[in-house]
Amino acid sequence: MSLQPTHDPVGAPACALVDVDAIAANVRALRDRSPGAALLAVVKADGYGHGLLPAARAAQAGGATWLGTAQQSEALALRDAGVTGRIFTWLHVPGTDFGAALQRDIDVSASGSWDLDAVAAAARTTGRTARVHLKVDSGLGRNGAFGSDFVDLVAQGRRLEGEGLVSVVGVWSHFAYADEPDHPTVRAQREVFEAAVRTVEAAGCALEVRHLANSAATLTNPAVHYDLVRPGIAVYGLSPVPRLGGPEAYGLVPAMTLRAHLALVKRVPAGQGVSYGHAYSTPADTVLALVPVGYADGIPRNATNVGPVSVDGRRNVVAGRVCMDQFVVDLGPDSQARAGDEVVLFGGDPSGPSAQDWAEATGTISYEIVTRIGPRVPRVLVGTAGREAGSTAGSTAGSTAPAPGVVAPGVVASGVVA
């Protein structure tokens, strides 16, 4: 899969190449590992930073029959952009306009009595029967109804079904340790989940889907695939279980390449302090290069002196502090780099730095590395998957129109249809 776009955004200091063909291929690989279940591609958080609509369309091109977003605003944006198929959204607060979801045939989650009541009220107002997935807290201790509260939630849902206001179509939950398949909580949560399913079925609800498996469980635990799997980070080609294997071990291809162009290259003497606080000093006469992205673009500030980059195919690390808009790399005394040369932060060449390398260098996870890439970094679509569905490029208000294939991030706020 080529990672060379037809056009780069003119004058952009950096861009994130998003290979939509890789997203589609990753979904196909995940489907191969869960042949008995439908697949819901999680496209929350602007498609994990890859772009909400391009990610959704590419996932569907790869065979995803469901899409999922945490926040309802993104689910509405998908439907309003013409995305078909089942869409599920799950993280709500009081005051959520559930009527907007019901009118767009979006499935919603209920974790407690307040949101189930609010969904029922929206059903009365809109005249639409709500498709509801009841969430059980099977041991994560986060969202979902816990213990006897879940039994009460089931009874409430069944009563509202009797009024024709809701249809309980799903039961679901989240793992706490899916990235450690042998952890004892995995079996314990499975048992709690299956007991919850039995409770719902005994109450008379006709379930369509039972879903528990995230990316890690989709790849490592077939026993919990049930009717539907919900991979997130694996859709974008990153391993949810890096201790067990990288993307290649599971047939996944990273979909994002983050690259920039050097803004300045200069020679400096030995002992020159570099960037704020002189957290790095040159050990010898050398060549410094300025990379025009910083923590305002999502580069972790704690990548100071550790963040990996590739210039001219050679691995380097950030020299000195990551600033708001830029950081410096010490290229060594023999470098022939020039302003404008490409620097790859992660992705692209498998021998270069990866999002996982950045995660390990900064003490986080690859999920955070890709989702934190900020709105100043345009996404450049590479490949064709899902783009035949009427996708167009656009730009945010007040900016110059990007080159073909360029999608400004923040599609929900800007109204860009990718």
Protein backbone atom coordinates (compact mmCIF):
# COMPACT_ATOMS: atom_id res chain seq x y z
CA MET A 1 0.00 0.00 0.00
CA SER A 2 1.56 3.26 -1.10
CA LEU A 3 1.91 6.00 1.45
CA GLN A 4 2.74 8.73 -1.03
CA PRO A 5 -0.17 11.13 -1.54
CA THR A 6 -0.80 12.88 -4.84
CA HIS A 7 -0.51 16.26 -3.13
CA ASP A 8 0.76 17.57 0.18
CA PRO A 9 -1.07 20.50 1.77
CA VAL A 10 0.74 23.56 0.42
CA GLY A 11 2.86 25.22 3.10
CA ALA A 12 1.72 22.86 5.88
CA PRO A 13 4.58 22.20 8.32
CA ALA A 14 3.32 18.66 8.88
CA CYS A 15 0.62 16.25 7.84
CA ALA A 16 -0.78 12.89 8.87
CA LEU A 17 -1.16 10.44 6.01
CA VAL A 18 -4.19 8.22 6.59
CA ASP A 19 -4.20 5.05 4.52
CA VAL A 20 -7.89 4.18 4.17
CA ASP A 21 -7.01 0.97 2.33
CA ALA A 22 -5.08 -0.13 5.43
CA ILE A 23 -8.15 0.53 7.59
CA ALA A 24 -10.30 -1.60 5.29
CA ALA A 25 -7.68 -4.37 5.24
CA ASN A 26 -7.42 -4.30 9.04
CA VAL A 27 -11.17 -4.75 9.34
CA ARG A 28 -11.00 -7.72 6.99
CA ALA A 29 -8.21 -9.23 9.10
CA LEU A 30 -10.28 -8.73 12.25
CA ARG A 31 -13.31 -10.31 10.60
CA ASP A 32 -11.18 -13.32 9.71
CA ARG A 33 -10.36 -13.70 13.40
CA SER A 34 -14.03 -13.47 14.45
CA PRO A 35 -15.90 -15.36 11.71
CA GLY A 36 -18.98 -16.11 13.79
CA ALA A 37 -19.64 -12.53 14.86
CA ALA A 38 -20.60 -9.27 13.22
CA LEU A 39 -18.02 -6.49 13.53
CA LEU A 40 -18.54 -3.02 15.00
CA ALA A 41 -15.68 -0.68 14.10
CA VAL A 42 -15.16 1.89 16.84
CA VAL A 43 -14.64 5.29 15.20
CA LYS A 44 -14.89 7.47 18.30
CA ALA A 45 -12.52 10.37 18.96
CA ASP A 46 -12.50 11.42 15.29
CA GLY A 47 -11.67 7.89 14.22
CA TYR A 48 -8.85 7.65 16.78
CA GLY A 49 -7.41 10.76 15.20
CA HIS A 50 -7.61 9.39 11.65
CA GLY A 51 -10.78 11.26 10.65
CA LEU A 52 -14.30 10.24 11.61
CA LEU A 53 -15.90 9.90 8.18
CA PRO A 54 -12.91 8.48 6.25
CA ALA A 55 -12.40 5.88 8.99
CA ALA A 56 -16.08 4.96 9.06
CA ARG A 57 -16.36 4.58 5.32
CA ALA A 58 -13.13 2.61 5.05
CA ALA A 59 -14.22 0.31 7.88
CA GLN A 60 -17.49 -0.36 6.11
CA ALA A 61 -15.60 -1.05 2.89
CA GLY A 62 -13.68 -3.68 4.87
CA GLY A 63 -16.88 -5.34 6.03
CA ALA A 64 -17.87 -3.61 9.26
CA THR A 65 -21.65 -3.73 9.58
CA TRP A 66 -21.75 -1.62 12.74
CA LEU A 67 -20.01 1.61 13.73
CA GLY A 68 -19.58 2.89 17.27
CA THR A 69 -18.90 6.26 18.88
CA ALA A 70 -18.69 7.17 22.53
CA GLN A 71 -20.25 10.60 22.11
CA GLN A 72 -23.57 11.05 20.40
CA SER A 73 -22.43 14.09 18.41
CA GLU A 74 -20.16 11.89 16.32
CA ALA A 75 -22.90 9.33 15.75
CA LEU A 76 -25.18 12.10 14.50
CA ALA A 77 -22.40 13.42 12.24
CA LEU A 78 -22.01 9.99 10.67
CA ARG A 79 -25.69 9.63 9.90
CA ASP A 80 -26.04 13.22 8.68
CA ALA A 81 -23.14 12.60 6.28
CA GLY A 82 -25.12 9.76 4.74
CA VAL A 83 -23.45 6.82 6.49
CA THR A 84 -25.81 3.84 6.55
CA GLY A 85 -25.80 0.65 8.60
CA ARG A 86 -26.13 0.25 12.33
CA ILE A 87 -24.57 2.97 14.50
CA PHE A 88 -24.20 2.63 18.26
CA THR A 89 -23.37 5.38 20.79
CA TRP A 90 -22.94 4.95 24.52
CA LEU A 91 -21.59 7.78 26.67
CA HIS A 92 -24.31 10.21 27.73
CA VAL A 93 -25.01 12.87 30.34
CA PRO A 94 -28.32 14.29 31.55
CA GLY A 95 -29.66 16.71 28.99
CA THR A 96 -28.62 14.57 26.00
CA ASP A 97 -31.07 14.96 23.13
CA PHE A 98 -31.89 11.30 22.62
CA GLY A 99 -34.62 12.29 20.20
CA ALA A 100 -31.94 13.29 17.70
CA ALA A 101 -30.50 9.77 17.87
CA LEU A 102 -33.87 8.06 17.58
CA GLN A 103 -34.85 10.12 14.56
CA ARG A 104 -31.65 8.96 12.86
CA ASP A 105 -32.08 5.28 13.76
CA ILE A 106 -29.06 5.22 16.08
CA ASP A 107 -28.79 2.58 18.80
CA VAL A 108 -28.13 3.92 22.29
CA SER A 109 -26.78 2.49 25.51
CA ALA A 110 -28.41 2.64 28.92
CA SER A 111 -26.32 2.19 32.05
CA GLY A 112 -28.81 3.39 34.65
CA SER A 113 -32.40 4.37 35.28
CA TRP A 114 -31.94 8.04 34.40
CA ASP A 115 -30.78 7.49 30.83
CA LEU A 116 -33.32 4.74 30.18
CA ASP A 117 -36.07 7.11 31.38
CA ALA A 118 -34.66 9.87 29.15
CA VAL A 119 -34.57 7.55 26.15
CA ALA A 120 -38.18 6.54 26.82
CA ALA A 121 -39.21 10.18 27.05
CA ALA A 122 -37.58 10.83 23.68
CA ALA A 123 -39.44 7.85 22.26
CA ARG A 124 -42.74 9.31 23.42
CA THR A 125 -41.90 12.65 21.84
CA THR A 126 -40.65 11.33 18.52
CA GLY A 127 -42.96 8.36 18.14
CA ARG A 128 -39.90 6.19 17.45
CA THR A 129 -39.16 3.02 19.39
CA ALA A 130 -35.66 3.27 20.81
CA ARG A 131 -33.14 0.49 20.16
CA VAL A 132 -31.34 0.11 23.50
CA HIS A 133 -28.30 -1.87 24.64
CA LEU A 134 -28.21 -2.39 28.40
CA LYS A 135 -24.72 -2.07 29.83
CA VAL A 136 -23.64 -4.23 32.74
CA ASP A 137 -20.60 -3.35 34.84
CA SER A 138 -19.02 -6.80 34.77
CA GLY A 139 -16.01 -5.72 36.82
CA LEU A 140 -14.34 -2.71 35.22
CA GLY A 141 -15.90 -0.42 37.82
CA ARG A 142 -16.58 2.30 35.28
CA ASN A 143 -19.75 2.77 33.25
CA GLY A 144 -22.63 0.29 33.41
CA ALA A 145 -25.12 -0.93 36.00
CA PHE A 146 -23.58 -2.96 38.81
CA GLY A 147 -25.04 -5.97 40.64
CA SER A 148 -28.66 -5.62 41.67
CA ASP A 149 -28.89 -2.29 39.87
CA PHE A 150 -28.57 -4.20 36.61
CA VAL A 151 -31.48 -6.44 37.58
CA ASP A 152 -33.55 -3.31 38.22
CA LEU A 153 -32.43 -1.84 34.89
CA VAL A 154 -33.59 -4.99 33.08
CA ALA A 155 -36.99 -4.81 34.77
CA GLN A 156 -37.29 -1.14 33.81
CA GLY A 157 -36.33 -1.92 30.22
CA ARG A 158 -38.85 -4.75 30.00
CA ARG A 159 -41.58 -2.50 31.36
CA LEU A 160 -40.79 0.16 28.76
CA GLU A 161 -40.81 -2.51 26.07
CA GLY A 162 -44.35 -3.30 27.15
CA GLU A 163 -45.26 0.32 26.46
CA GLY A 164 -43.70 0.12 23.01
CA LEU A 165 -41.14 2.81 23.86
CA VAL A 166 -37.94 0.79 23.76
CA SER A 167 -36.65 -2.43 22.32
CA VAL A 168 -33.84 -4.02 24.31
CA VAL A 169 -31.69 -5.31 21.45
CA GLY A 170 -28.34 -5.74 23.17
CA VAL A 171 -26.37 -6.41 26.33
CA TRP A 172 -22.77 -5.29 26.55
CA SER A 173 -19.82 -4.61 28.81
CA HIS A 174 -16.12 -3.69 28.88
CA PHE A 175 -13.10 -5.70 29.97
CA ALA A 176 -10.59 -4.36 32.48
CA TYR A 177 -7.63 -6.58 31.46
CA ALA A 178 -8.36 -7.75 27.90
CA ASP A 179 -4.74 -6.93 26.98
CA GLU A 180 -3.72 -9.66 29.46
CA PRO A 181 -5.77 -12.65 28.23
CA ASP A 182 -4.71 -14.91 31.12
CA HIS A 183 -5.58 -12.40 33.84
CA PRO A 184 -8.13 -13.92 36.27
CA THR A 185 -10.48 -10.95 35.84
CA VAL A 186 -11.04 -11.92 32.20
CA ARG A 187 -12.77 -15.18 33.13
CA ALA A 188 -14.57 -13.53 36.05
CA GLN A 189 -15.97 -10.77 33.83
CA ARG A 190 -17.03 -13.28 31.23
CA GLU A 191 -19.03 -15.16 33.86
CA VAL A 192 -20.70 -11.97 35.12
CA PHE A 193 -21.52 -10.94 31.57
CA GLU A 194 -23.04 -14.27 30.65
CA ALA A 195 -25.13 -14.22 33.83
CA ALA A 196 -26.37 -10.75 32.86
CA VAL A 197 -27.34 -12.04 29.42
CA ARG A 198 -29.31 -14.86 31.04
CA THR A 199 -31.09 -12.34 33.25
CA VAL A 200 -32.12 -10.26 30.25
CA GLU A 201 -33.26 -13.26 28.26
CA ALA A 202 -35.20 -14.66 31.22
CA ALA A 203 -37.03 -11.34 31.47
CA GLY A 204 -38.31 -11.89 27.93
CA CYS A 205 -36.12 -9.49 25.92
CA ALA A 206 -35.35 -10.67 22.39
CA LEU A 207 -31.66 -9.85 22.08
CA GLU A 208 -30.01 -9.27 18.72
CA VAL A 209 -26.44 -8.80 19.96
CA ARG A 210 -24.32 -9.60 22.97
CA HIS A 211 -20.96 -7.81 22.89
CA LEU A 212 -17.92 -7.74 25.14
CA ALA A 213 -14.82 -8.12 22.93
CA ASN A 214 -12.67 -5.06 22.29
CA SER A 215 -9.59 -5.14 20.03
CA ALA A 216 -7.55 -7.25 22.41
CA ALA A 217 -10.29 -9.81 22.99
CA THR A 218 -11.14 -9.91 19.29
CA LEU A 219 -7.53 -10.93 18.58
CA THR A 220 -6.85 -13.21 21.55
CA ASN A 221 -10.08 -14.58 23.05
CA PRO A 222 -12.56 -16.22 20.65
CA ALA A 223 -14.68 -17.44 23.56
CA VAL A 224 -16.01 -13.91 24.09
CA HIS A 225 -16.82 -12.97 20.51
CA TYR A 226 -20.54 -13.76 20.94
CA ASP A 227 -22.68 -12.01 18.31
CA LEU A 228 -20.61 -8.86 17.85
CA VAL A 229 -17.01 -7.75 18.37
CA ARG A 230 -16.02 -4.11 18.92
CA PRO A 231 -12.41 -3.51 17.82
CA GLY A 232 -11.09 0.02 18.11
CA ILE A 233 -7.32 0.56 17.96
CA ALA A 234 -6.77 -2.58 15.87
CA VAL A 235 -8.95 -1.09 13.12
CA TYR A 236 -6.19 1.50 12.71
CA GLY A 237 -3.44 -1.12 12.56
CA LEU A 238 -1.97 -0.79 16.04
CA SER A 239 -1.59 -3.72 18.40
CA PRO A 240 -3.70 -3.63 21.58
CA VAL A 241 -1.40 -6.29 23.06
CA PRO A 242 2.14 -5.09 22.26
CA ARG A 243 3.65 -7.42 24.85
CA LEU A 244 2.22 -10.36 22.91
CA GLY A 245 2.93 -9.09 19.40
CA GLY A 246 3.09 -6.08 17.16
CA PRO A 247 0.67 -5.30 14.32
CA GLU A 248 2.38 -7.69 11.93
CA ALA A 249 1.70 -10.60 14.30
CA TYR A 250 -2.02 -10.10 13.74
CA GLY A 251 -2.01 -9.14 10.08
CA LEU A 252 -2.55 -5.45 10.81
CA VAL A 253 -1.09 -2.45 9.00
CA PRO A 254 -0.71 0.93 10.78
CA ALA A 255 -2.92 3.40 8.95
CA MET A 256 -1.32 6.70 10.03
CA THR A 257 2.03 8.16 9.08
CA LEU A 258 2.94 11.43 10.80
CA ARG A 259 5.54 13.44 8.96
CA ALA A 260 6.84 17.00 8.81
CA HIS A 261 9.34 19.06 6.85
CA LEU A 262 12.43 20.55 8.42
CA ALA A 263 12.04 24.29 8.92
CA LEU A 264 15.73 25.05 9.50
CA VAL A 265 19.08 23.24 9.45
CA LYS A 266 22.22 24.80 10.95
CA ARG A 267 25.66 23.97 12.27
CA VAL A 268 26.48 24.72 15.90
CA PRO A 269 29.56 24.17 18.05
CA ALA A 270 30.07 21.67 20.84
CA GLY A 271 28.50 22.67 24.14
CA GLN A 272 25.60 24.58 22.61
CA GLY A 273 22.50 24.39 24.77
CA VAL A 274 19.36 23.47 22.85
CA SER A 275 15.81 24.71 23.39
CA TYR A 276 14.19 25.89 26.63
CA GLY A 277 16.17 25.24 29.77
CA HIS A 278 19.05 23.78 27.77
CA ALA A 279 17.83 20.27 28.66
CA TYR A 280 20.22 19.09 25.93
CA SER A 281 23.70 20.34 25.02
CA THR A 282 25.58 19.31 21.92
CA PRO A 283 28.42 16.90 22.76
CA ALA A 284 30.41 17.93 19.67
CA ASP A 285 30.21 20.23 16.66
CA THR A 286 27.04 19.12 14.94
CA VAL A 287 24.05 19.86 12.72
CA LEU A 288 20.74 20.77 14.33
CA ALA A 289 17.40 20.56 12.54
CA LEU A 290 14.16 22.27 13.52
CA VAL A 291 10.95 20.22 13.26
CA PRO A 292 7.88 22.53 13.17
CA VAL A 293 5.46 20.55 15.33
CA GLY A 294 5.08 20.60 19.09
CA TYR A 295 2.78 19.88 21.96
CA ALA A 296 0.07 22.09 20.44
CA ASP A 297 0.00 19.53 17.62
CA GLY A 298 -0.12 16.57 19.98
CA ILE A 299 3.59 15.81 20.34
CA PRO A 300 4.04 14.75 23.97
CA ARG A 301 6.06 17.30 25.91
CA ASN A 302 7.65 14.48 27.87
CA ALA A 303 9.19 13.27 24.61
CA THR A 304 12.04 15.63 25.51
CA ASN A 305 15.32 13.86 24.68
CA VAL A 306 13.54 10.55 23.97
CA GLY A 307 10.97 10.96 21.16
CA PRO A 308 12.08 8.96 18.08
CA VAL A 309 12.15 10.44 14.57
CA SER A 310 13.63 9.49 11.22
CA VAL A 311 15.49 11.96 8.98
CA ASP A 312 16.99 10.73 5.71
CA GLY A 313 16.23 7.19 6.83
CA ARG A 314 18.32 7.53 10.00
CA ARG A 315 16.84 7.18 13.47
CA ASN A 316 17.27 10.15 15.81
CA VAL A 317 15.61 11.40 18.97
CA VAL A 318 14.30 14.78 20.05
CA ALA A 319 17.13 16.97 21.33
CA GLY A 320 16.00 19.16 24.22
CA ARG A 321 12.52 20.17 25.17
CA VAL A 322 9.44 19.75 23.01
CA CYS A 323 7.99 23.25 22.67
CA MET A 324 4.48 24.32 21.77
CA ASP A 325 5.16 24.52 18.04
CA GLN A 326 8.53 22.88 17.42
CA PHE A 327 11.37 20.70 18.59
CA VAL A 328 15.00 20.16 17.59
CA VAL A 329 16.88 17.08 16.41
CA ASP A 330 20.66 16.64 16.56
CA LEU A 331 21.54 15.08 13.20
CA GLY A 332 25.26 14.69 13.86
CA PRO A 333 28.23 16.42 12.23
CA ASP A 334 28.02 14.61 8.88
CA SER A 335 24.39 15.34 8.05
CA GLN A 336 23.66 16.84 4.67
CA ALA A 337 20.01 17.58 5.51
CA ARG A 338 18.40 20.76 4.21
CA ALA A 339 15.37 22.83 5.11
CA GLY A 340 12.33 21.20 3.56
CA ASP A 341 13.59 17.65 3.95
CA GLU A 342 11.10 15.13 5.29
CA VAL A 343 11.13 13.93 8.88
CA VAL A 344 8.95 10.96 9.83
CA LEU A 345 7.73 10.85 13.40
CA PHE A 346 5.96 7.52 13.08
CA GLY A 347 4.47 5.19 10.50
CA GLY A 348 5.42 4.52 6.92
CA ASP A 349 8.62 2.50 6.66
CA PRO A 350 8.38 -0.47 9.08
CA SER A 351 12.05 0.08 9.98
CA GLY A 352 11.31 3.61 11.18
CA PRO A 353 9.73 4.77 14.42
CA SER A 354 6.20 3.63 15.21
CA ALA A 355 3.40 4.97 17.37
CA GLN A 356 4.26 2.16 19.78
CA ASP A 357 7.87 3.41 19.91
CA TRP A 358 6.56 6.84 20.88
CA ALA A 359 4.29 5.26 23.47
CA GLU A 360 7.15 3.36 25.06
CA ALA A 361 9.43 6.40 24.99
CA THR A 362 6.87 8.59 26.75
CA GLY A 363 5.25 6.09 29.10
CA THR A 364 1.83 5.86 27.50
CA ILE A 365 -0.06 3.73 24.95
CA SER A 366 -0.23 3.96 21.18
CA TYR A 367 -3.93 4.90 21.42
CA GLU A 368 -2.97 8.23 22.98
CA ILE A 369 -0.22 8.92 20.47
CA VAL A 370 -2.52 8.81 17.43
CA THR A 371 -5.62 10.35 19.01
CA ARG A 372 -3.76 13.37 20.38
CA ILE A 373 -2.57 14.62 16.98
CA GLY A 374 -4.09 18.08 16.91
CA PRO A 375 -6.30 20.05 14.53
CA ARG A 376 -3.42 22.03 13.00
CA VAL A 377 -2.17 18.84 11.37
CA PRO A 378 -4.16 18.12 8.19
CA ARG A 379 -5.04 14.52 7.40
CA VAL A 380 -4.14 13.44 3.89
CA LEU A 381 -6.16 10.48 2.64
CA VAL A 382 -4.25 7.77 0.81
CA GLY A 383 -5.99 4.91 -0.97
CA THR A 384 -9.50 4.42 -2.24
CA ALA A 385 -11.42 2.33 0.32
CA GLY A 386 -14.77 3.92 1.11
CA ARG A 387 -14.04 7.02 -0.93
CA GLU A 388 -16.29 6.01 -3.80
CA ALA A 389 -19.25 6.62 -1.48
CA GLY A 390 -19.36 10.29 -2.42
CA SER A 391 -16.58 11.57 -0.19
CA THR A 392 -15.23 15.03 -0.87
CA ALA A 393 -12.41 17.05 0.58
CA GLY A 394 -13.08 20.28 2.37
CA SER A 395 -11.62 22.85 4.68
CA THR A 396 -12.53 24.61 7.85
CA ALA A 397 -14.13 28.01 7.62
CA GLY A 398 -11.64 30.78 6.95
CA SER A 399 -8.86 28.51 5.71
CA THR A 400 -7.60 27.90 2.21
CA ALA A 401 -9.06 24.90 0.48
CA PRO A 402 -6.71 21.94 0.82
CA ALA A 403 -5.31 19.92 -2.03
CA PRO A 404 -7.26 16.92 -3.34
CA GLY A 405 -7.30 14.12 -0.80
CA VAL A 406 -6.75 16.46 2.13
CA VAL A 407 -9.21 16.45 4.99
CA ALA A 408 -9.13 18.97 7.78
CA PRO A 409 -9.55 17.25 11.15
CA GLY A 410 -12.36 18.21 13.48
CA VAL A 411 -15.07 17.23 11.02
CA VAL A 412 -17.83 17.44 13.60
CA ALA A 413 -17.11 21.07 14.44
CA SER A 414 -16.19 22.23 10.95
CA GLY A 415 -18.82 20.38 8.99
CA VAL A 416 -16.20 18.94 6.66
CA VAL A 417 -17.41 15.83 4.86
CA ALA A 418 -14.52 13.51 4.12
